[in-house]
């Protein structure tokens, strides 16, 4: 499934945002539980109030059961306030609480599909590394799909270097 780029990213020169904030953050909650916090030097909200575009060192902290599990950085982050879909335009850098890293050209979260799709991906943790043209992580099915020249490297326990 390929996610579509939000219209807010493809703004024409004469189109001005409805709201512009500097040094802003937003906390996203679900049933009172903190799910994510987005921080950026600048936030613009589209005229229809649907899209919030974060630029200037935007960072997303993702939480699970009150603990930060991911930290995501990109060139710009677009939140679709109607669908809760998120697009991170790159380069994208993701760090997990366990020290794993993912680098990508861009990444898109579909809230309805519960899927993360990332392009031009390299993931690394310890001696393990994988690379692919596209990574699709389906949260509901708990499936990780790599496509387009996928390459996986890992060290076997007990193997000699």
N, C-alpha and C. Protein backbone atom coordinates (compact mmCIF):
# COMPACT_ATOMS: atom_id res chain seq x y z
N UNK A 1 0.85 -1.17 0.00
CA UNK A 1 0.00 0.00 0.00
C UNK A 1 0.89 1.23 0.00
N UNK A 2 0.72 2.09 -0.94
CA UNK A 2 1.49 3.32 -1.02
C UNK A 2 0.62 4.46 -0.53
N UNK A 3 1.11 5.23 0.39
CA UNK A 3 0.35 6.34 0.94
C UNK A 3 0.55 7.58 0.09
N UNK A 4 -0.47 8.39 -0.03
CA UNK A 4 -0.41 9.60 -0.84
C UNK A 4 0.19 10.76 -0.05
N UNK A 5 0.91 11.60 -0.75
CA UNK A 5 1.50 12.80 -0.13
C UNK A 5 0.38 13.80 0.18
N UNK A 6 0.33 14.33 1.39
CA UNK A 6 -0.71 15.31 1.74
C UNK A 6 -0.61 16.55 0.87
N UNK A 7 -1.77 17.14 0.56
CA UNK A 7 -1.81 18.35 -0.26
C UNK A 7 -1.10 19.52 0.39
N UNK A 8 -1.02 19.53 1.72
CA UNK A 8 -0.39 20.65 2.42
C UNK A 8 1.08 20.79 2.05
N UNK A 9 1.73 19.69 1.69
CA UNK A 9 3.14 19.73 1.34
C UNK A 9 3.33 20.41 -0.02
N UNK A 10 2.35 20.27 -0.91
CA UNK A 10 2.45 20.79 -2.26
C UNK A 10 1.77 22.15 -2.37
N UNK A 11 2.11 23.06 -1.49
CA UNK A 11 1.50 24.39 -1.43
C UNK A 11 1.99 25.25 -2.59
N UNK A 12 1.09 26.01 -3.17
CA UNK A 12 1.48 26.94 -4.22
C UNK A 12 2.02 28.21 -3.59
N UNK A 13 2.87 28.98 -4.31
CA UNK A 13 3.51 30.16 -3.72
C UNK A 13 2.54 31.19 -3.14
N UNK A 14 1.36 31.39 -3.74
CA UNK A 14 0.41 32.39 -3.26
C UNK A 14 -0.45 31.92 -2.10
N UNK A 15 -0.36 30.65 -1.75
CA UNK A 15 -1.21 30.08 -0.72
C UNK A 15 -0.54 30.27 0.66
N UNK A 16 -1.18 31.02 1.52
CA UNK A 16 -0.63 31.30 2.85
C UNK A 16 -1.30 30.42 3.89
N UNK A 17 -0.56 30.01 4.92
CA UNK A 17 -1.16 29.20 5.98
C UNK A 17 -2.13 30.04 6.81
N UNK A 18 -3.07 29.36 7.46
CA UNK A 18 -4.03 30.05 8.33
C UNK A 18 -3.35 30.47 9.63
N UNK A 19 -2.46 29.64 10.12
CA UNK A 19 -1.79 29.88 11.41
C UNK A 19 -0.32 29.53 11.25
N UNK A 20 0.56 30.35 11.79
CA UNK A 20 1.98 30.06 11.84
C UNK A 20 2.45 30.29 13.26
N UNK A 21 3.11 29.29 13.83
CA UNK A 21 3.65 29.39 15.19
C UNK A 21 5.14 29.12 15.16
N UNK A 22 5.86 29.75 16.07
CA UNK A 22 7.30 29.49 16.20
C UNK A 22 7.56 28.83 17.55
N UNK A 23 8.47 27.86 17.54
CA UNK A 23 8.82 27.17 18.78
C UNK A 23 7.63 26.46 19.40
N UNK A 24 6.94 25.63 18.62
CA UNK A 24 5.70 25.00 19.09
C UNK A 24 5.87 23.50 19.29
N UNK A 25 4.95 22.93 20.06
CA UNK A 25 4.86 21.48 20.22
C UNK A 25 3.40 21.10 20.37
N UNK A 26 3.11 19.84 20.03
CA UNK A 26 1.76 19.33 20.16
C UNK A 26 1.86 17.92 20.75
N UNK A 27 0.96 17.61 21.67
CA UNK A 27 0.91 16.28 22.28
C UNK A 27 -0.33 15.58 21.75
N UNK A 28 -0.14 14.36 21.23
CA UNK A 28 -1.25 13.56 20.72
C UNK A 28 -1.58 12.49 21.75
N UNK A 29 -2.85 12.43 22.13
CA UNK A 29 -3.31 11.46 23.14
C UNK A 29 -4.41 10.59 22.57
N UNK A 30 -4.50 9.37 23.10
CA UNK A 30 -5.57 8.45 22.75
C UNK A 30 -6.12 7.89 24.05
N UNK A 31 -7.38 8.16 24.34
CA UNK A 31 -8.01 7.76 25.61
C UNK A 31 -7.19 8.23 26.81
N UNK A 32 -6.67 9.45 26.72
CA UNK A 32 -5.92 10.05 27.82
C UNK A 32 -4.46 9.66 27.89
N UNK A 33 -4.05 8.64 27.13
CA UNK A 33 -2.66 8.18 27.13
C UNK A 33 -1.85 8.97 26.10
N UNK A 34 -0.70 9.46 26.52
CA UNK A 34 0.19 10.18 25.62
C UNK A 34 0.73 9.21 24.57
N UNK A 35 0.45 9.51 23.28
CA UNK A 35 0.90 8.67 22.18
C UNK A 35 2.16 9.22 21.52
N UNK A 36 2.19 10.55 21.36
CA UNK A 36 3.32 11.19 20.68
C UNK A 36 3.38 12.66 21.06
N UNK A 37 4.58 13.20 20.93
CA UNK A 37 4.78 14.64 21.11
C UNK A 37 5.63 15.12 19.95
N UNK A 38 5.15 16.14 19.25
CA UNK A 38 5.85 16.71 18.10
C UNK A 38 6.35 18.09 18.49
N UNK A 39 7.65 18.35 18.24
CA UNK A 39 8.25 19.66 18.53
C UNK A 39 8.94 20.16 17.26
N UNK A 40 8.90 21.48 17.06
CA UNK A 40 9.56 22.07 15.90
C UNK A 40 9.77 23.56 16.13
N UNK A 41 10.70 24.13 15.35
CA UNK A 41 10.94 25.57 15.41
C UNK A 41 9.77 26.35 14.82
N UNK A 42 9.07 25.71 13.86
CA UNK A 42 7.97 26.41 13.18
C UNK A 42 6.86 25.41 12.83
N UNK A 43 5.62 25.84 13.01
CA UNK A 43 4.45 25.04 12.65
C UNK A 43 3.50 25.91 11.85
N UNK A 44 3.05 25.39 10.71
CA UNK A 44 2.05 26.07 9.90
C UNK A 44 0.82 25.18 9.80
N UNK A 45 -0.36 25.78 9.97
CA UNK A 45 -1.62 25.06 9.85
C UNK A 45 -2.31 25.54 8.59
N UNK A 46 -2.77 24.60 7.77
CA UNK A 46 -3.41 24.94 6.49
C UNK A 46 -4.70 25.72 6.72
N UNK A 47 -5.14 26.41 5.67
CA UNK A 47 -6.35 27.24 5.76
C UNK A 47 -7.58 26.44 6.17
N UNK A 48 -7.67 25.17 5.73
CA UNK A 48 -8.82 24.34 6.10
C UNK A 48 -8.62 23.69 7.47
N UNK A 49 -7.50 24.01 8.14
CA UNK A 49 -7.13 23.52 9.47
C UNK A 49 -6.87 22.03 9.51
N UNK A 50 -6.78 21.39 8.36
CA UNK A 50 -6.59 19.94 8.32
C UNK A 50 -5.13 19.54 8.55
N UNK A 51 -4.19 20.26 7.95
CA UNK A 51 -2.78 19.87 8.00
C UNK A 51 -1.97 20.79 8.89
N UNK A 52 -1.12 20.19 9.71
CA UNK A 52 -0.13 20.93 10.49
C UNK A 52 1.23 20.50 9.95
N UNK A 53 2.02 21.46 9.47
CA UNK A 53 3.33 21.16 8.91
C UNK A 53 4.40 21.71 9.84
N UNK A 54 5.25 20.82 10.34
CA UNK A 54 6.31 21.16 11.29
C UNK A 54 7.62 21.23 10.52
N UNK A 55 8.34 22.35 10.66
CA UNK A 55 9.64 22.51 10.00
C UNK A 55 10.63 23.11 11.00
N UNK A 56 11.90 23.08 10.64
CA UNK A 56 12.93 23.63 11.54
C UNK A 56 13.22 22.66 12.66
N UNK A 57 14.00 21.64 12.38
CA UNK A 57 14.39 20.62 13.36
C UNK A 57 13.18 19.91 13.99
N UNK A 58 12.22 19.45 13.18
CA UNK A 58 11.06 18.77 13.79
C UNK A 58 11.45 17.41 14.36
N UNK A 59 10.91 17.11 15.52
CA UNK A 59 11.18 15.86 16.22
C UNK A 59 9.87 15.30 16.77
N UNK A 60 9.69 13.99 16.62
CA UNK A 60 8.53 13.31 17.19
C UNK A 60 9.04 12.29 18.20
N UNK A 61 8.50 12.35 19.41
CA UNK A 61 8.75 11.32 20.41
C UNK A 61 7.49 10.46 20.47
N UNK A 62 7.63 9.15 20.28
CA UNK A 62 6.51 8.21 20.29
C UNK A 62 6.54 7.45 21.60
N UNK A 63 5.37 7.34 22.24
CA UNK A 63 5.28 6.72 23.56
C UNK A 63 4.44 5.45 23.52
N UNK A 64 4.79 4.50 24.38
CA UNK A 64 4.00 3.29 24.59
C UNK A 64 3.96 3.05 26.09
N UNK A 65 2.75 3.01 26.64
CA UNK A 65 2.55 2.82 28.08
C UNK A 65 3.34 3.86 28.89
N UNK A 66 3.36 5.10 28.39
CA UNK A 66 4.01 6.19 29.11
C UNK A 66 5.51 6.29 28.93
N UNK A 67 6.12 5.35 28.20
CA UNK A 67 7.58 5.36 27.97
C UNK A 67 7.89 5.74 26.53
N UNK A 68 8.91 6.56 26.34
CA UNK A 68 9.33 6.90 24.99
C UNK A 68 9.98 5.68 24.35
N UNK A 69 9.48 5.27 23.17
CA UNK A 69 10.01 4.10 22.49
C UNK A 69 10.71 4.45 21.18
N UNK A 70 10.36 5.60 20.59
CA UNK A 70 10.99 6.06 19.35
C UNK A 70 11.20 7.56 19.38
N UNK A 71 12.26 8.00 18.74
CA UNK A 71 12.49 9.43 18.50
C UNK A 71 12.74 9.56 17.01
N UNK A 72 11.93 10.40 16.34
CA UNK A 72 11.97 10.54 14.89
C UNK A 72 12.30 11.98 14.52
N UNK A 73 13.27 12.15 13.60
CA UNK A 73 13.63 13.47 13.10
C UNK A 73 13.56 13.47 11.59
N UNK A 74 13.19 14.61 11.02
CA UNK A 74 13.14 14.75 9.56
C UNK A 74 13.29 16.21 9.18
N UNK A 75 13.22 16.48 7.88
CA UNK A 75 13.28 17.85 7.40
C UNK A 75 11.96 18.56 7.66
N UNK A 76 10.84 17.84 7.42
CA UNK A 76 9.53 18.37 7.75
C UNK A 76 8.61 17.21 8.11
N UNK A 77 7.64 17.51 8.96
CA UNK A 77 6.67 16.52 9.41
C UNK A 77 5.28 17.11 9.17
N UNK A 78 4.43 16.35 8.49
CA UNK A 78 3.08 16.81 8.19
C UNK A 78 2.08 15.90 8.90
N UNK A 79 1.24 16.51 9.73
CA UNK A 79 0.19 15.79 10.45
C UNK A 79 -1.15 16.11 9.80
N UNK A 80 -1.85 15.08 9.35
CA UNK A 80 -3.21 15.24 8.85
C UNK A 80 -4.12 15.13 10.07
N UNK A 81 -4.67 16.24 10.52
CA UNK A 81 -5.44 16.29 11.75
C UNK A 81 -6.77 15.54 11.62
N UNK A 82 -7.24 15.33 10.40
CA UNK A 82 -8.51 14.62 10.19
C UNK A 82 -8.32 13.11 10.31
N UNK A 83 -7.24 12.58 9.75
CA UNK A 83 -7.02 11.12 9.73
C UNK A 83 -5.97 10.65 10.74
N UNK A 84 -5.20 11.58 11.30
CA UNK A 84 -4.05 11.28 12.17
C UNK A 84 -2.92 10.59 11.42
N UNK A 85 -2.92 10.71 10.09
CA UNK A 85 -1.79 10.22 9.30
C UNK A 85 -0.63 11.19 9.46
N UNK A 86 0.60 10.67 9.39
CA UNK A 86 1.79 11.50 9.55
C UNK A 86 2.76 11.18 8.42
N UNK A 87 3.31 12.22 7.81
CA UNK A 87 4.35 12.07 6.79
C UNK A 87 5.60 12.76 7.31
N UNK A 88 6.73 12.04 7.25
CA UNK A 88 8.01 12.62 7.64
C UNK A 88 8.87 12.64 6.39
N UNK A 89 9.22 13.85 5.95
CA UNK A 89 10.04 13.99 4.76
C UNK A 89 11.49 14.13 5.18
N UNK A 90 12.38 13.57 4.38
CA UNK A 90 13.72 13.36 4.85
C UNK A 90 14.78 14.30 4.37
N UNK A 91 15.95 13.90 4.85
CA UNK A 91 16.25 12.58 5.39
C UNK A 91 15.59 12.36 6.76
N UNK A 92 15.19 11.10 6.99
CA UNK A 92 14.51 10.70 8.22
C UNK A 92 15.47 9.88 9.06
N UNK A 93 15.50 10.17 10.36
CA UNK A 93 16.34 9.41 11.30
C UNK A 93 15.46 8.98 12.47
N UNK A 94 15.43 7.67 12.73
CA UNK A 94 14.64 7.11 13.82
C UNK A 94 15.57 6.38 14.77
N UNK A 95 15.43 6.64 16.08
CA UNK A 95 16.22 5.94 17.09
C UNK A 95 15.25 5.27 18.06
N UNK A 96 15.47 3.98 18.35
CA UNK A 96 14.61 3.27 19.29
C UNK A 96 15.18 3.36 20.70
N UNK A 97 14.37 3.04 21.68
CA UNK A 97 14.82 3.05 23.07
C UNK A 97 15.93 2.02 23.30
N UNK A 98 15.97 0.98 22.46
CA UNK A 98 17.01 -0.07 22.59
C UNK A 98 18.28 0.27 21.82
N UNK A 99 18.31 1.43 21.16
CA UNK A 99 19.50 1.85 20.44
C UNK A 99 19.50 1.51 18.97
N UNK A 100 18.43 0.93 18.46
CA UNK A 100 18.35 0.65 17.02
C UNK A 100 18.17 1.93 16.25
N UNK A 101 18.62 1.92 14.99
CA UNK A 101 18.53 3.12 14.15
C UNK A 101 17.91 2.75 12.81
N UNK A 102 17.12 3.68 12.28
CA UNK A 102 16.56 3.55 10.95
C UNK A 102 16.77 4.88 10.25
N UNK A 103 17.30 4.81 9.04
CA UNK A 103 17.44 6.01 8.21
C UNK A 103 16.62 5.77 6.95
N UNK A 104 15.92 6.81 6.50
CA UNK A 104 15.09 6.67 5.30
C UNK A 104 15.00 8.00 4.57
N UNK A 105 14.63 7.92 3.31
CA UNK A 105 14.40 9.13 2.53
C UNK A 105 13.12 9.83 2.95
N UNK A 106 12.10 9.03 3.28
CA UNK A 106 10.83 9.55 3.79
C UNK A 106 10.08 8.41 4.45
N UNK A 107 9.12 8.76 5.29
CA UNK A 107 8.30 7.75 5.97
C UNK A 107 6.89 8.29 6.15
N UNK A 108 5.91 7.39 6.00
CA UNK A 108 4.51 7.80 6.13
C UNK A 108 3.77 6.80 7.01
N UNK A 109 3.03 7.32 7.99
CA UNK A 109 2.21 6.51 8.88
C UNK A 109 0.75 6.66 8.47
N UNK A 110 0.08 5.54 8.21
CA UNK A 110 -1.35 5.54 7.94
C UNK A 110 -2.05 5.05 9.20
N UNK A 111 -2.79 5.92 9.83
CA UNK A 111 -3.47 5.56 11.07
C UNK A 111 -4.56 4.52 10.82
N UNK A 112 -5.34 4.68 9.74
CA UNK A 112 -6.42 3.74 9.45
C UNK A 112 -5.88 2.34 9.17
N UNK A 113 -4.81 2.26 8.38
CA UNK A 113 -4.22 0.96 8.04
C UNK A 113 -3.28 0.44 9.12
N UNK A 114 -2.89 1.32 10.05
CA UNK A 114 -1.91 0.98 11.08
C UNK A 114 -0.63 0.46 10.42
N UNK A 115 -0.17 1.23 9.40
CA UNK A 115 1.02 0.86 8.65
C UNK A 115 1.99 2.03 8.54
N UNK A 116 3.28 1.69 8.63
CA UNK A 116 4.35 2.63 8.37
C UNK A 116 5.01 2.20 7.07
N UNK A 117 5.11 3.11 6.12
CA UNK A 117 5.79 2.84 4.85
C UNK A 117 6.95 3.82 4.74
N UNK A 118 8.16 3.28 4.57
CA UNK A 118 9.36 4.12 4.46
C UNK A 118 10.08 3.79 3.16
N UNK A 119 10.66 4.81 2.54
CA UNK A 119 11.38 4.66 1.28
C UNK A 119 12.88 4.82 1.51
N UNK A 120 13.69 4.07 0.74
CA UNK A 120 15.16 4.13 0.81
C UNK A 120 15.62 3.96 2.25
N UNK A 121 15.47 2.75 2.77
CA UNK A 121 15.62 2.46 4.18
C UNK A 121 16.92 1.72 4.49
N UNK A 122 17.56 2.10 5.59
CA UNK A 122 18.67 1.35 6.18
C UNK A 122 18.37 1.27 7.67
N UNK A 123 18.33 0.02 8.20
CA UNK A 123 18.12 -0.20 9.64
C UNK A 123 19.34 -0.88 10.20
N UNK A 124 19.74 -0.49 11.43
CA UNK A 124 20.91 -1.10 12.05
C UNK A 124 20.72 -1.18 13.55
N UNK A 125 21.17 -2.30 14.13
CA UNK A 125 21.24 -2.45 15.58
C UNK A 125 22.33 -3.47 15.85
N UNK A 126 23.37 -3.02 16.53
CA UNK A 126 24.50 -3.91 16.80
C UNK A 126 25.13 -4.36 15.50
N UNK A 127 25.30 -5.68 15.34
CA UNK A 127 25.89 -6.24 14.12
C UNK A 127 24.87 -6.51 13.02
N UNK A 128 23.62 -6.23 13.28
CA UNK A 128 22.56 -6.53 12.32
C UNK A 128 22.24 -5.28 11.49
N UNK A 129 22.04 -5.49 10.18
CA UNK A 129 21.70 -4.37 9.31
C UNK A 129 20.82 -4.88 8.18
N UNK A 130 19.86 -4.04 7.78
CA UNK A 130 19.06 -4.35 6.61
C UNK A 130 18.85 -3.09 5.81
N UNK A 131 18.72 -3.27 4.50
CA UNK A 131 18.51 -2.15 3.60
C UNK A 131 17.48 -2.58 2.57
N UNK A 132 16.65 -1.63 2.13
CA UNK A 132 15.64 -1.92 1.12
C UNK A 132 15.16 -0.62 0.49
N UNK A 133 14.63 -0.74 -0.70
CA UNK A 133 14.05 0.43 -1.35
C UNK A 133 12.78 0.85 -0.61
N UNK A 134 12.01 -0.15 -0.10
CA UNK A 134 10.80 0.17 0.66
C UNK A 134 10.62 -0.80 1.82
N UNK A 135 10.22 -0.26 2.96
CA UNK A 135 9.89 -1.03 4.14
C UNK A 135 8.43 -0.74 4.49
N UNK A 136 7.65 -1.78 4.71
CA UNK A 136 6.27 -1.62 5.15
C UNK A 136 6.13 -2.39 6.46
N UNK A 137 5.75 -1.67 7.50
CA UNK A 137 5.53 -2.28 8.81
C UNK A 137 4.04 -2.23 9.09
N UNK A 138 3.41 -3.40 9.14
CA UNK A 138 1.98 -3.52 9.41
C UNK A 138 1.83 -3.88 10.89
N UNK A 139 1.39 -2.92 11.68
CA UNK A 139 1.29 -3.10 13.13
C UNK A 139 0.24 -4.15 13.48
N UNK A 140 -0.95 -4.07 12.86
CA UNK A 140 -2.04 -4.99 13.17
C UNK A 140 -1.66 -6.43 12.87
N UNK A 141 -1.05 -6.68 11.71
CA UNK A 141 -0.67 -8.04 11.32
C UNK A 141 0.68 -8.44 11.89
N UNK A 142 1.41 -7.49 12.46
CA UNK A 142 2.76 -7.70 12.99
C UNK A 142 3.67 -8.30 11.92
N UNK A 143 3.67 -7.63 10.75
CA UNK A 143 4.45 -8.08 9.61
C UNK A 143 5.37 -6.94 9.15
N UNK A 144 6.62 -7.29 8.88
CA UNK A 144 7.59 -6.36 8.32
C UNK A 144 7.90 -6.84 6.91
N UNK A 145 7.65 -6.02 5.90
CA UNK A 145 7.85 -6.39 4.51
C UNK A 145 8.91 -5.49 3.91
N UNK A 146 9.93 -6.09 3.30
CA UNK A 146 10.99 -5.35 2.62
C UNK A 146 10.87 -5.62 1.13
N UNK A 147 11.00 -4.58 0.31
CA UNK A 147 10.94 -4.80 -1.13
C UNK A 147 11.93 -3.89 -1.84
N UNK A 148 12.29 -4.29 -3.06
CA UNK A 148 13.20 -3.48 -3.88
C UNK A 148 14.63 -3.59 -3.45
N UNK A 149 15.30 -4.65 -3.84
CA UNK A 149 16.72 -4.81 -3.53
C UNK A 149 17.01 -4.98 -2.05
N UNK A 150 16.17 -5.73 -1.36
CA UNK A 150 16.35 -5.92 0.09
C UNK A 150 17.64 -6.68 0.36
N UNK A 151 18.36 -6.24 1.39
CA UNK A 151 19.62 -6.84 1.79
C UNK A 151 19.62 -6.92 3.31
N UNK A 152 19.80 -8.13 3.85
CA UNK A 152 19.81 -8.33 5.30
C UNK A 152 21.14 -8.95 5.69
N UNK A 153 21.79 -8.37 6.71
CA UNK A 153 23.06 -8.90 7.21
C UNK A 153 22.97 -9.03 8.73
N UNK A 154 23.38 -10.20 9.26
CA UNK A 154 23.38 -10.39 10.70
C UNK A 154 24.47 -11.38 11.07
N UNK A 155 24.87 -11.34 12.30
CA UNK A 155 25.92 -12.20 12.80
C UNK A 155 25.29 -13.37 13.53
N UNK A 156 25.69 -14.58 13.18
CA UNK A 156 25.19 -15.77 13.85
C UNK A 156 25.89 -15.93 15.19
N UNK A 157 25.14 -16.23 16.21
CA UNK A 157 25.69 -16.43 17.56
C UNK A 157 26.68 -17.58 17.53
N UNK A 158 27.87 -17.37 18.04
CA UNK A 158 28.89 -18.40 18.09
C UNK A 158 29.75 -18.49 16.85
N UNK A 159 29.40 -17.76 15.81
CA UNK A 159 30.17 -17.79 14.56
C UNK A 159 31.44 -16.98 14.73
N UNK A 160 32.51 -17.41 14.07
CA UNK A 160 33.77 -16.68 14.12
C UNK A 160 33.72 -15.53 13.14
N UNK A 161 34.27 -14.35 13.53
CA UNK A 161 34.25 -13.20 12.61
C UNK A 161 35.08 -13.43 11.37
